[in-house]
């Protein structure tokens, strides 16, 4: 558990300087962080569920769905700030492995809200909510080692160009087996 605390709070990778020590003295305790994470995450889920229920309200239902669903997803992502801290979260969001996913998630959030508030287009709001779910899933998979690669290669519906970008996960193993004569 201590290792998890250190990794999530960013303590195990960097040399601790004077500024980091000052930040630690004003930071929340681990129990408070966990409680904040759970509260924010549950609030995000409840907002998303409420948005889904409001989808069936006549006239304004789709707009309410888009807004509550988006705010629920923002709260769910924001909940990890309690575990890692805001700067560590921002640094991880812009790492090369998840930069494009982060941009897509933020773009989908923005476009969903724009289509609901300014453009008043229900169809676009629904499309952007669907894209938001896909982008958020792709973003979340970036935190699990090899999850995106596995998904791409286990799903035949992805175009061959996308799948060939990373190579087949078992092709190197099969090549080795052929070379060693064990296949």
N, C-alpha and C. Protein backbone atom coordinates (compact mmCIF):
# COMPACT_ATOMS: atom_id res chain seq x y z
N UNK A 1 0.82 -1.19 0.00
CA UNK A 1 0.00 0.00 0.00
C UNK A 1 0.87 1.25 0.00
N UNK A 2 2.00 1.20 0.71
CA UNK A 2 2.89 2.35 0.75
C UNK A 2 3.47 2.64 -0.64
N UNK A 3 3.78 1.58 -1.39
CA UNK A 3 4.31 1.75 -2.74
C UNK A 3 3.28 2.43 -3.63
N UNK A 4 2.00 2.03 -3.50
CA UNK A 4 0.93 2.65 -4.26
C UNK A 4 0.80 4.13 -3.91
N UNK A 5 0.89 4.45 -2.63
CA UNK A 5 0.84 5.85 -2.21
C UNK A 5 1.97 6.65 -2.85
N UNK A 6 3.18 6.08 -2.83
CA UNK A 6 4.33 6.79 -3.39
C UNK A 6 4.20 7.00 -4.89
N UNK A 7 3.75 5.98 -5.60
CA UNK A 7 3.62 6.09 -7.06
C UNK A 7 2.55 7.10 -7.44
N UNK A 8 1.39 7.02 -6.79
CA UNK A 8 0.29 7.92 -7.13
C UNK A 8 0.57 9.36 -6.73
N UNK A 9 1.31 9.56 -5.66
CA UNK A 9 1.61 10.92 -5.25
C UNK A 9 2.88 11.45 -5.90
N UNK A 10 3.56 10.61 -6.68
CA UNK A 10 4.74 11.06 -7.42
C UNK A 10 5.99 11.16 -6.59
N UNK A 11 6.07 10.49 -5.47
CA UNK A 11 7.21 10.61 -4.59
C UNK A 11 8.36 9.69 -4.94
N UNK A 12 8.10 8.62 -5.72
CA UNK A 12 9.17 7.65 -5.87
C UNK A 12 10.06 7.91 -7.08
N UNK A 13 9.70 8.81 -7.97
CA UNK A 13 10.46 8.97 -9.20
C UNK A 13 11.42 10.15 -9.19
N UNK A 14 11.16 11.14 -8.40
CA UNK A 14 11.92 12.38 -8.51
C UNK A 14 12.74 12.64 -7.25
N UNK A 15 13.78 13.45 -7.42
CA UNK A 15 14.55 13.92 -6.29
C UNK A 15 13.74 15.00 -5.60
N UNK A 16 13.61 14.92 -4.31
CA UNK A 16 12.78 15.85 -3.57
C UNK A 16 13.55 17.14 -3.32
N UNK A 17 13.02 18.25 -3.79
CA UNK A 17 13.63 19.55 -3.58
C UNK A 17 12.92 20.32 -2.48
N UNK A 18 13.34 21.54 -2.24
CA UNK A 18 12.74 22.38 -1.21
C UNK A 18 11.30 22.72 -1.51
N UNK A 19 10.99 23.00 -2.78
CA UNK A 19 9.63 23.33 -3.16
C UNK A 19 8.70 22.14 -2.97
N UNK A 20 9.19 20.94 -3.27
CA UNK A 20 8.37 19.73 -3.10
C UNK A 20 8.06 19.49 -1.63
N UNK A 21 9.04 19.79 -0.76
CA UNK A 21 8.80 19.61 0.67
C UNK A 21 7.75 20.58 1.18
N UNK A 22 7.76 21.82 0.66
CA UNK A 22 6.75 22.80 1.04
C UNK A 22 5.37 22.34 0.57
N UNK A 23 5.31 21.80 -0.64
CA UNK A 23 4.03 21.31 -1.17
C UNK A 23 3.51 20.14 -0.34
N UNK A 24 4.41 19.29 0.15
CA UNK A 24 4.00 18.14 0.95
C UNK A 24 3.42 18.56 2.29
N UNK A 25 3.95 19.63 2.87
CA UNK A 25 3.45 20.06 4.17
C UNK A 25 2.03 20.60 4.06
N UNK A 26 1.64 21.09 2.89
CA UNK A 26 0.30 21.64 2.74
C UNK A 26 -0.64 20.68 2.03
N UNK A 27 -0.18 19.47 1.73
CA UNK A 27 -1.02 18.53 0.99
C UNK A 27 -1.98 17.80 1.93
N UNK A 28 -2.94 17.15 1.33
CA UNK A 28 -3.94 16.40 2.08
C UNK A 28 -3.36 15.08 2.57
N UNK A 29 -3.93 14.54 3.63
CA UNK A 29 -3.50 13.23 4.11
C UNK A 29 -3.99 12.17 3.13
N UNK A 30 -3.41 10.97 3.23
CA UNK A 30 -3.78 9.89 2.30
C UNK A 30 -5.26 9.53 2.45
N UNK A 31 -5.76 9.47 3.68
CA UNK A 31 -7.17 9.15 3.90
C UNK A 31 -8.08 10.21 3.28
N UNK A 32 -7.70 11.48 3.41
CA UNK A 32 -8.50 12.55 2.82
C UNK A 32 -8.47 12.47 1.31
N UNK A 33 -7.31 12.12 0.75
CA UNK A 33 -7.21 11.96 -0.70
C UNK A 33 -8.13 10.85 -1.20
N UNK A 34 -8.12 9.72 -0.49
CA UNK A 34 -8.97 8.60 -0.89
C UNK A 34 -10.44 9.00 -0.80
N UNK A 35 -10.82 9.67 0.27
CA UNK A 35 -12.21 10.11 0.42
C UNK A 35 -12.59 11.10 -0.68
N UNK A 36 -11.69 12.03 -1.00
CA UNK A 36 -11.95 12.99 -2.07
C UNK A 36 -12.08 12.31 -3.42
N UNK A 37 -11.20 11.33 -3.67
CA UNK A 37 -11.27 10.57 -4.92
C UNK A 37 -12.61 9.86 -5.04
N UNK A 38 -13.01 9.15 -3.99
CA UNK A 38 -14.26 8.40 -4.02
C UNK A 38 -15.45 9.33 -4.19
N UNK A 39 -15.46 10.43 -3.44
CA UNK A 39 -16.59 11.37 -3.52
C UNK A 39 -16.70 11.96 -4.92
N UNK A 40 -15.58 12.38 -5.48
CA UNK A 40 -15.59 12.99 -6.82
C UNK A 40 -15.96 11.96 -7.88
N UNK A 41 -15.44 10.76 -7.76
CA UNK A 41 -15.72 9.72 -8.74
C UNK A 41 -17.20 9.32 -8.69
N UNK A 42 -17.73 9.16 -7.48
CA UNK A 42 -19.15 8.81 -7.33
C UNK A 42 -20.03 9.94 -7.85
N UNK A 43 -19.65 11.19 -7.57
CA UNK A 43 -20.41 12.33 -8.10
C UNK A 43 -20.40 12.32 -9.62
N UNK A 44 -19.27 11.97 -10.22
CA UNK A 44 -19.19 11.87 -11.67
C UNK A 44 -20.09 10.79 -12.23
N UNK A 45 -20.11 9.64 -11.57
CA UNK A 45 -20.97 8.55 -12.02
C UNK A 45 -22.44 8.94 -11.88
N UNK A 46 -22.78 9.58 -10.74
CA UNK A 46 -24.17 10.00 -10.53
C UNK A 46 -24.60 11.05 -11.56
N UNK A 47 -23.71 11.97 -11.89
CA UNK A 47 -24.02 12.97 -12.93
C UNK A 47 -24.28 12.28 -14.27
N UNK A 48 -23.44 11.33 -14.61
CA UNK A 48 -23.61 10.61 -15.88
C UNK A 48 -24.92 9.82 -15.88
N UNK A 49 -25.24 9.17 -14.77
CA UNK A 49 -26.50 8.43 -14.68
C UNK A 49 -27.70 9.37 -14.72
N UNK A 50 -27.59 10.49 -14.02
CA UNK A 50 -28.67 11.48 -14.05
C UNK A 50 -28.87 12.01 -15.47
N UNK A 51 -27.78 12.25 -16.17
CA UNK A 51 -27.88 12.68 -17.56
C UNK A 51 -28.58 11.65 -18.41
N UNK A 52 -28.29 10.37 -18.17
CA UNK A 52 -28.95 9.31 -18.93
C UNK A 52 -30.45 9.28 -18.63
N UNK A 53 -30.82 9.48 -17.37
CA UNK A 53 -32.24 9.52 -17.02
C UNK A 53 -32.93 10.75 -17.62
N UNK A 54 -32.22 11.87 -17.68
CA UNK A 54 -32.80 13.10 -18.23
C UNK A 54 -32.92 13.07 -19.75
N UNK A 55 -32.32 12.08 -20.36
CA UNK A 55 -32.39 11.95 -21.81
C UNK A 55 -33.84 11.83 -22.28
N UNK A 56 -34.70 11.28 -21.45
CA UNK A 56 -36.09 11.04 -21.84
C UNK A 56 -37.01 12.21 -21.53
N UNK A 57 -36.49 13.31 -21.01
CA UNK A 57 -37.31 14.50 -20.75
C UNK A 57 -37.65 15.14 -22.10
N UNK A 58 -38.93 15.48 -22.31
CA UNK A 58 -39.30 16.10 -23.60
C UNK A 58 -38.58 17.43 -23.84
N UNK A 59 -38.27 17.69 -25.07
CA UNK A 59 -37.65 18.92 -25.60
C UNK A 59 -36.21 19.14 -25.17
N UNK A 60 -35.93 19.26 -23.91
CA UNK A 60 -34.57 19.60 -23.43
C UNK A 60 -33.78 18.39 -22.95
N UNK A 61 -34.32 17.20 -23.11
CA UNK A 61 -33.69 16.01 -22.56
C UNK A 61 -32.30 15.74 -23.11
N UNK A 62 -32.14 15.88 -24.42
CA UNK A 62 -30.83 15.59 -25.01
C UNK A 62 -29.78 16.60 -24.57
N UNK A 63 -30.19 17.85 -24.43
CA UNK A 63 -29.25 18.87 -23.96
C UNK A 63 -28.83 18.59 -22.51
N UNK A 64 -29.81 18.26 -21.68
CA UNK A 64 -29.49 17.94 -20.28
C UNK A 64 -28.59 16.71 -20.21
N UNK A 65 -28.87 15.73 -21.05
CA UNK A 65 -28.02 14.53 -21.10
C UNK A 65 -26.58 14.90 -21.45
N UNK A 66 -26.41 15.70 -22.50
CA UNK A 66 -25.07 16.08 -22.94
C UNK A 66 -24.31 16.82 -21.85
N UNK A 67 -24.99 17.72 -21.17
CA UNK A 67 -24.33 18.52 -20.14
C UNK A 67 -23.98 17.66 -18.93
N UNK A 68 -24.96 16.91 -18.40
CA UNK A 68 -24.69 16.09 -17.22
C UNK A 68 -23.70 14.97 -17.51
N UNK A 69 -23.80 14.39 -18.68
CA UNK A 69 -22.87 13.32 -19.05
C UNK A 69 -21.44 13.86 -19.12
N UNK A 70 -21.29 15.02 -19.75
CA UNK A 70 -19.96 15.63 -19.86
C UNK A 70 -19.42 16.03 -18.49
N UNK A 71 -20.23 16.68 -17.67
CA UNK A 71 -19.77 17.06 -16.34
C UNK A 71 -19.45 15.83 -15.49
N UNK A 72 -20.20 14.76 -15.68
CA UNK A 72 -19.91 13.52 -14.97
C UNK A 72 -18.56 12.95 -15.36
N UNK A 73 -18.25 12.97 -16.66
CA UNK A 73 -16.95 12.48 -17.11
C UNK A 73 -15.82 13.38 -16.64
N UNK A 74 -16.04 14.68 -16.64
CA UNK A 74 -15.01 15.60 -16.15
C UNK A 74 -14.75 15.34 -14.66
N UNK A 75 -15.81 15.14 -13.89
CA UNK A 75 -15.64 14.85 -12.46
C UNK A 75 -14.91 13.52 -12.24
N UNK A 76 -15.22 12.54 -13.07
CA UNK A 76 -14.55 11.24 -12.93
C UNK A 76 -13.05 11.35 -13.22
N UNK A 77 -12.70 12.07 -14.28
CA UNK A 77 -11.27 12.28 -14.56
C UNK A 77 -10.64 13.15 -13.48
N UNK A 78 -11.37 14.15 -13.04
CA UNK A 78 -10.85 15.05 -12.01
C UNK A 78 -10.64 14.36 -10.68
N UNK A 79 -11.31 13.26 -10.46
CA UNK A 79 -11.17 12.56 -9.18
C UNK A 79 -9.75 12.05 -8.97
N UNK A 80 -9.05 11.74 -10.06
CA UNK A 80 -7.68 11.24 -9.92
C UNK A 80 -6.72 12.32 -9.45
N UNK A 81 -7.14 13.58 -9.54
CA UNK A 81 -6.31 14.67 -9.02
C UNK A 81 -6.11 14.49 -7.53
N UNK A 82 -7.11 13.95 -6.84
CA UNK A 82 -6.97 13.71 -5.40
C UNK A 82 -5.89 12.68 -5.12
N UNK A 83 -5.73 11.70 -5.98
CA UNK A 83 -4.74 10.66 -5.75
C UNK A 83 -3.33 11.12 -6.10
N UNK A 84 -3.20 11.77 -7.25
CA UNK A 84 -1.87 12.13 -7.75
C UNK A 84 -1.47 13.56 -7.46
N UNK A 85 -2.42 14.44 -7.30
CA UNK A 85 -2.15 15.86 -7.23
C UNK A 85 -2.31 16.47 -8.61
N UNK A 86 -2.61 17.75 -8.67
CA UNK A 86 -2.92 18.37 -9.97
C UNK A 86 -1.75 18.40 -10.95
N UNK A 87 -0.56 18.70 -10.48
CA UNK A 87 0.59 18.79 -11.40
C UNK A 87 0.98 17.42 -11.95
N UNK A 88 0.98 16.41 -11.10
CA UNK A 88 1.31 15.06 -11.55
C UNK A 88 0.27 14.57 -12.57
N UNK A 89 -1.00 14.90 -12.31
CA UNK A 89 -2.06 14.51 -13.24
C UNK A 89 -1.86 15.19 -14.59
N UNK A 90 -1.57 16.49 -14.58
CA UNK A 90 -1.35 17.21 -15.83
C UNK A 90 -0.14 16.68 -16.58
N UNK A 91 0.93 16.37 -15.85
CA UNK A 91 2.12 15.81 -16.49
C UNK A 91 1.83 14.46 -17.14
N UNK A 92 1.06 13.64 -16.46
CA UNK A 92 0.72 12.33 -17.02
C UNK A 92 -0.23 12.45 -18.21
N UNK A 93 -1.08 13.45 -18.19
CA UNK A 93 -2.03 13.62 -19.30
C UNK A 93 -1.33 14.01 -20.59
N UNK A 94 -0.20 14.69 -20.49
CA UNK A 94 0.50 15.14 -21.70
C UNK A 94 1.72 14.30 -22.03
N UNK A 95 1.86 13.15 -21.39
CA UNK A 95 2.93 12.22 -21.78
C UNK A 95 2.69 11.77 -23.21
N UNK A 96 3.75 11.47 -23.95
CA UNK A 96 3.59 11.09 -25.37
C UNK A 96 2.63 9.92 -25.61
N UNK A 97 2.56 8.98 -24.67
CA UNK A 97 1.68 7.82 -24.88
C UNK A 97 0.20 8.16 -24.80
N UNK A 98 -0.14 9.28 -24.15
CA UNK A 98 -1.56 9.61 -24.04
C UNK A 98 -1.90 11.04 -24.44
N UNK A 99 -0.99 11.73 -25.09
CA UNK A 99 -1.25 13.11 -25.49
C UNK A 99 -2.40 13.20 -26.49
N UNK A 100 -2.40 12.37 -27.50
CA UNK A 100 -3.47 12.41 -28.51
C UNK A 100 -4.80 12.04 -27.86
N UNK A 101 -4.80 11.05 -26.99
CA UNK A 101 -6.02 10.65 -26.30
C UNK A 101 -6.55 11.79 -25.43
N UNK A 102 -5.65 12.49 -24.74
CA UNK A 102 -6.04 13.63 -23.92
C UNK A 102 -6.67 14.72 -24.76
N UNK A 103 -6.04 15.03 -25.88
CA UNK A 103 -6.57 16.06 -26.77
C UNK A 103 -7.96 15.66 -27.28
N UNK A 104 -8.12 14.40 -27.65
CA UNK A 104 -9.41 13.93 -28.15
C UNK A 104 -10.49 14.02 -27.07
N UNK A 105 -10.15 13.64 -25.84
CA UNK A 105 -11.12 13.70 -24.75
C UNK A 105 -11.54 15.15 -24.50
N UNK A 106 -10.57 16.04 -24.39
CA UNK A 106 -10.88 17.45 -24.13
C UNK A 106 -11.65 18.07 -25.29
N UNK A 107 -11.30 17.70 -26.52
CA UNK A 107 -12.01 18.19 -27.69
C UNK A 107 -13.46 17.69 -27.69
N UNK A 108 -13.66 16.44 -27.35
CA UNK A 108 -15.03 15.89 -27.29
C UNK A 108 -15.84 16.55 -26.18
N UNK A 109 -15.22 16.81 -25.03
CA UNK A 109 -15.92 17.54 -23.97
C UNK A 109 -16.39 18.90 -24.49
N UNK A 110 -15.46 19.62 -25.11
CA UNK A 110 -15.76 20.96 -25.60
C UNK A 110 -16.84 20.94 -26.68
N UNK A 111 -16.70 20.04 -27.64
CA UNK A 111 -17.67 19.98 -28.73
C UNK A 111 -19.05 19.54 -28.26
N UNK A 112 -19.10 18.66 -27.26
CA UNK A 112 -20.39 18.25 -26.71
C UNK A 112 -21.10 19.43 -26.08
N UNK A 113 -20.37 20.20 -25.28
CA UNK A 113 -20.97 21.36 -24.62
C UNK A 113 -21.33 22.45 -25.64
N UNK A 114 -20.49 22.65 -26.65
CA UNK A 114 -20.79 23.64 -27.69
C UNK A 114 -22.05 23.25 -28.46
N UNK A 115 -22.18 21.98 -28.79
CA UNK A 115 -23.36 21.55 -29.54
C UNK A 115 -24.63 21.67 -28.70
N UNK A 116 -24.51 21.54 -27.38
CA UNK A 116 -25.68 21.67 -26.52
C UNK A 116 -26.04 23.13 -26.25
N UNK A 117 -25.04 23.98 -25.97
CA UNK A 117 -25.32 25.36 -25.55
C UNK A 117 -25.39 26.35 -26.70
N UNK A 118 -24.44 26.31 -27.62
CA UNK A 118 -24.36 27.36 -28.63
C UNK A 118 -24.99 26.96 -29.96
N UNK A 119 -24.75 25.73 -30.39
CA UNK A 119 -25.26 25.33 -31.70
C UNK A 119 -26.67 24.77 -31.61
N UNK A 120 -27.12 24.36 -30.43
CA UNK A 120 -28.45 23.81 -30.20
C UNK A 120 -28.77 22.70 -31.21
N UNK A 121 -27.82 21.79 -31.37
CA UNK A 121 -27.98 20.70 -32.32
C UNK A 121 -27.97 19.38 -31.54
N UNK A 122 -29.15 18.76 -31.43
CA UNK A 122 -29.29 17.53 -30.65
C UNK A 122 -28.49 16.38 -31.26
N UNK A 123 -28.50 16.28 -32.57
CA UNK A 123 -27.79 15.19 -33.23
C UNK A 123 -26.30 15.26 -32.99
N UNK A 124 -25.73 16.46 -33.11
CA UNK A 124 -24.30 16.62 -32.84
C UNK A 124 -23.98 16.33 -31.38
N UNK A 125 -24.85 16.76 -30.48
CA UNK A 125 -24.62 16.51 -29.05
C UNK A 125 -24.55 15.02 -28.78
N UNK A 126 -25.46 14.28 -29.38
CA UNK A 126 -25.46 12.83 -29.18
C UNK A 126 -24.22 12.18 -29.79
N UNK A 127 -23.85 12.61 -31.00
CA UNK A 127 -22.65 12.07 -31.65
C UNK A 127 -21.41 12.36 -30.81
N UNK A 128 -21.30 13.59 -30.29
CA UNK A 128 -20.13 13.94 -29.49
C UNK A 128 -20.11 13.22 -28.14
N UNK A 129 -21.28 12.90 -27.60
CA UNK A 129 -21.32 12.08 -26.38
C UNK A 129 -20.79 10.68 -26.64
N UNK A 130 -21.16 10.12 -27.78
CA UNK A 130 -20.65 8.79 -28.15
C UNK A 130 -19.15 8.85 -28.37
N UNK A 131 -18.69 9.86 -29.10
CA UNK A 131 -17.25 10.02 -29.32
C UNK A 131 -16.52 10.28 -28.01
N UNK A 132 -17.17 10.99 -27.11
CA UNK A 132 -16.59 11.25 -25.78
C UNK A 132 -16.37 9.93 -25.04
N UNK A 133 -17.32 9.04 -25.11
CA UNK A 133 -17.18 7.73 -24.45
C UNK A 133 -16.02 6.94 -25.04
N UNK A 134 -15.94 6.94 -26.37
CA UNK A 134 -14.85 6.21 -27.02
C UNK A 134 -13.49 6.83 -26.69
N UNK A 135 -13.41 8.16 -26.74
CA UNK A 135 -12.15 8.84 -26.43
C UNK A 135 -11.74 8.61 -24.98
N UNK A 136 -12.71 8.64 -24.09
CA UNK A 136 -12.42 8.42 -22.67
C UNK A 136 -11.96 6.99 -22.41
N UNK A 137 -12.55 6.04 -23.12
CA UNK A 137 -12.12 4.65 -23.00
C UNK A 137 -10.69 4.51 -23.49
N UNK A 138 -10.36 5.11 -24.63
CA UNK A 138 -9.02 5.04 -25.19
C UNK A 138 -8.01 5.69 -24.24
N UNK A 139 -8.41 6.83 -23.66
CA UNK A 139 -7.56 7.53 -22.69
C UNK A 139 -7.32 6.65 -21.46
N UNK A 140 -8.38 6.04 -20.95
CA UNK A 140 -8.25 5.19 -19.76
C UNK A 140 -7.37 3.98 -20.02
N UNK A 141 -7.48 3.42 -21.22
CA UNK A 141 -6.66 2.25 -21.57
C UNK A 141 -5.17 2.60 -21.62
N UNK A 142 -4.85 3.89 -21.78
CA UNK A 142 -3.44 4.28 -21.84
C UNK A 142 -2.74 4.09 -20.50
N UNK A 143 -3.50 3.97 -19.43
CA UNK A 143 -2.91 3.76 -18.11
C UNK A 143 -2.67 2.28 -17.81
N UNK A 144 -3.18 1.39 -18.65
CA UNK A 144 -2.99 -0.05 -18.46
C UNK A 144 -1.96 -0.52 -19.48
N UNK A 145 -0.82 -1.06 -19.03
CA UNK A 145 0.22 -1.47 -19.98
C UNK A 145 -0.29 -2.45 -21.02
N UNK A 146 -0.03 -2.17 -22.27
CA UNK A 146 -0.35 -3.00 -23.43
C UNK A 146 -1.85 -3.18 -23.68
N UNK A 147 -2.71 -2.46 -22.98
CA UNK A 147 -4.16 -2.64 -23.15
C UNK A 147 -4.63 -2.18 -24.52
N UNK A 148 -4.12 -1.03 -24.97
CA UNK A 148 -4.53 -0.54 -26.29
C UNK A 148 -4.05 -1.47 -27.39
N UNK A 149 -2.83 -1.93 -27.27
CA UNK A 149 -2.27 -2.83 -28.27
C UNK A 149 -3.07 -4.13 -28.33
N UNK A 150 -3.42 -4.65 -27.19
CA UNK A 150 -4.20 -5.87 -27.14
C UNK A 150 -5.58 -5.65 -27.76
N UNK A 151 -6.21 -4.53 -27.45
CA UNK A 151 -7.53 -4.24 -28.00
C UNK A 151 -7.49 -4.13 -29.52
N UNK A 152 -6.49 -3.46 -30.03
CA UNK A 152 -6.38 -3.31 -31.48
C UNK A 152 -6.21 -4.64 -32.18
N UNK A 153 -5.46 -5.53 -31.58
CA UNK A 153 -5.18 -6.80 -32.24
C UNK A 153 -6.21 -7.89 -31.96
N UNK A 154 -7.01 -7.70 -30.95
CA UNK A 154 -8.03 -8.69 -30.65
C UNK A 154 -9.36 -8.35 -31.30
N UNK A 155 -9.46 -7.18 -31.89
CA UNK A 155 -10.69 -6.74 -32.53
C UNK A 155 -10.47 -6.67 -34.04
N UNK A 156 -11.10 -7.57 -34.79
CA UNK A 156 -10.87 -7.59 -36.24
C UNK A 156 -11.50 -6.40 -36.98
N UNK A 157 -12.35 -5.61 -36.30
CA UNK A 157 -13.02 -4.52 -36.99
C UNK A 157 -12.12 -3.30 -37.19
N UNK A 158 -10.97 -3.23 -36.52
CA UNK A 158 -10.06 -2.12 -36.74
C UNK A 158 -9.40 -2.27 -38.11
N UNK A 159 -9.21 -1.16 -38.80
CA UNK A 159 -8.57 -1.25 -40.12
C UNK A 159 -7.16 -1.84 -40.01
N UNK A 160 -6.74 -2.60 -41.02
CA UNK A 160 -5.40 -3.21 -40.99
C UNK A 160 -4.28 -2.17 -40.84
N UNK A 161 -4.49 -0.97 -41.37
CA UNK A 161 -3.46 0.06 -41.28
C UNK A 161 -3.20 0.43 -39.82
N UNK A 162 -4.28 0.56 -39.03
CA UNK A 162 -4.14 0.91 -37.62
C UNK A 162 -3.48 -0.24 -36.87
N UNK A 163 -3.91 -1.48 -37.17
CA UNK A 163 -3.34 -2.63 -36.47
C UNK A 163 -1.87 -2.84 -36.83
N UNK A 164 -1.49 -2.58 -38.09
CA UNK A 164 -0.11 -2.83 -38.50
C UNK A 164 0.84 -1.77 -37.98
N UNK A 165 0.30 -0.64 -37.50
CA UNK A 165 1.15 0.41 -36.97
C UNK A 165 2.00 -0.08 -35.80
N UNK A 166 1.45 -0.95 -34.96
CA UNK A 166 2.17 -1.42 -33.79
C UNK A 166 2.65 -2.84 -33.93
N UNK A 167 2.35 -3.48 -35.04
CA UNK A 167 2.76 -4.87 -35.22
C UNK A 167 1.88 -5.80 -34.42
N UNK A 168 1.78 -7.02 -34.87
CA UNK A 168 0.95 -7.99 -34.17
C UNK A 168 1.64 -8.42 -32.89
N UNK A 169 0.93 -8.50 -31.76
CA UNK A 169 1.59 -8.79 -30.48
C UNK A 169 2.22 -10.18 -30.42
N UNK A 170 1.69 -11.12 -31.23
CA UNK A 170 2.22 -12.47 -31.17
C UNK A 170 3.17 -12.77 -32.33
N UNK A 171 3.35 -11.82 -33.25
CA UNK A 171 4.17 -12.10 -34.42
C UNK A 171 5.64 -12.30 -34.04
N UNK A 172 6.14 -11.54 -33.09
CA UNK A 172 7.53 -11.71 -32.68
C UNK A 172 7.72 -13.04 -31.96
N UNK A 173 6.75 -13.43 -31.15
CA UNK A 173 6.85 -14.70 -30.44
C UNK A 173 6.80 -15.86 -31.45
N UNK A 174 5.92 -15.75 -32.43
CA UNK A 174 5.81 -16.81 -33.43
C UNK A 174 7.09 -16.89 -34.26
N UNK A 175 7.65 -15.73 -34.60
CA UNK A 175 8.90 -15.69 -35.37
C UNK A 175 10.01 -16.40 -34.60
N UNK A 176 10.08 -16.15 -33.28
CA UNK A 176 11.08 -16.80 -32.44
C UNK A 176 10.87 -18.31 -32.41
N UNK A 177 9.62 -18.74 -32.31
CA UNK A 177 9.33 -20.17 -32.27
C UNK A 177 9.72 -20.84 -33.58
N UNK A 178 9.45 -20.18 -34.70
CA UNK A 178 9.85 -20.73 -36.00
C UNK A 178 11.36 -20.83 -36.11
N UNK A 179 12.03 -19.80 -35.62
CA UNK A 179 13.49 -19.75 -35.70
C UNK A 179 14.13 -20.85 -34.84
N UNK A 180 13.52 -21.10 -33.66
CA UNK A 180 14.06 -22.11 -32.76
C UNK A 180 13.58 -23.51 -33.11
N UNK A 181 12.61 -23.63 -34.00
CA UNK A 181 12.09 -24.92 -34.39
C UNK A 181 11.15 -25.52 -33.38
N UNK A 182 10.59 -24.68 -32.51
CA UNK A 182 9.65 -25.20 -31.51
C UNK A 182 8.21 -25.12 -31.97
N UNK A 183 7.96 -24.63 -33.17
CA UNK A 183 6.59 -24.54 -33.64
C UNK A 183 6.30 -25.60 -34.66
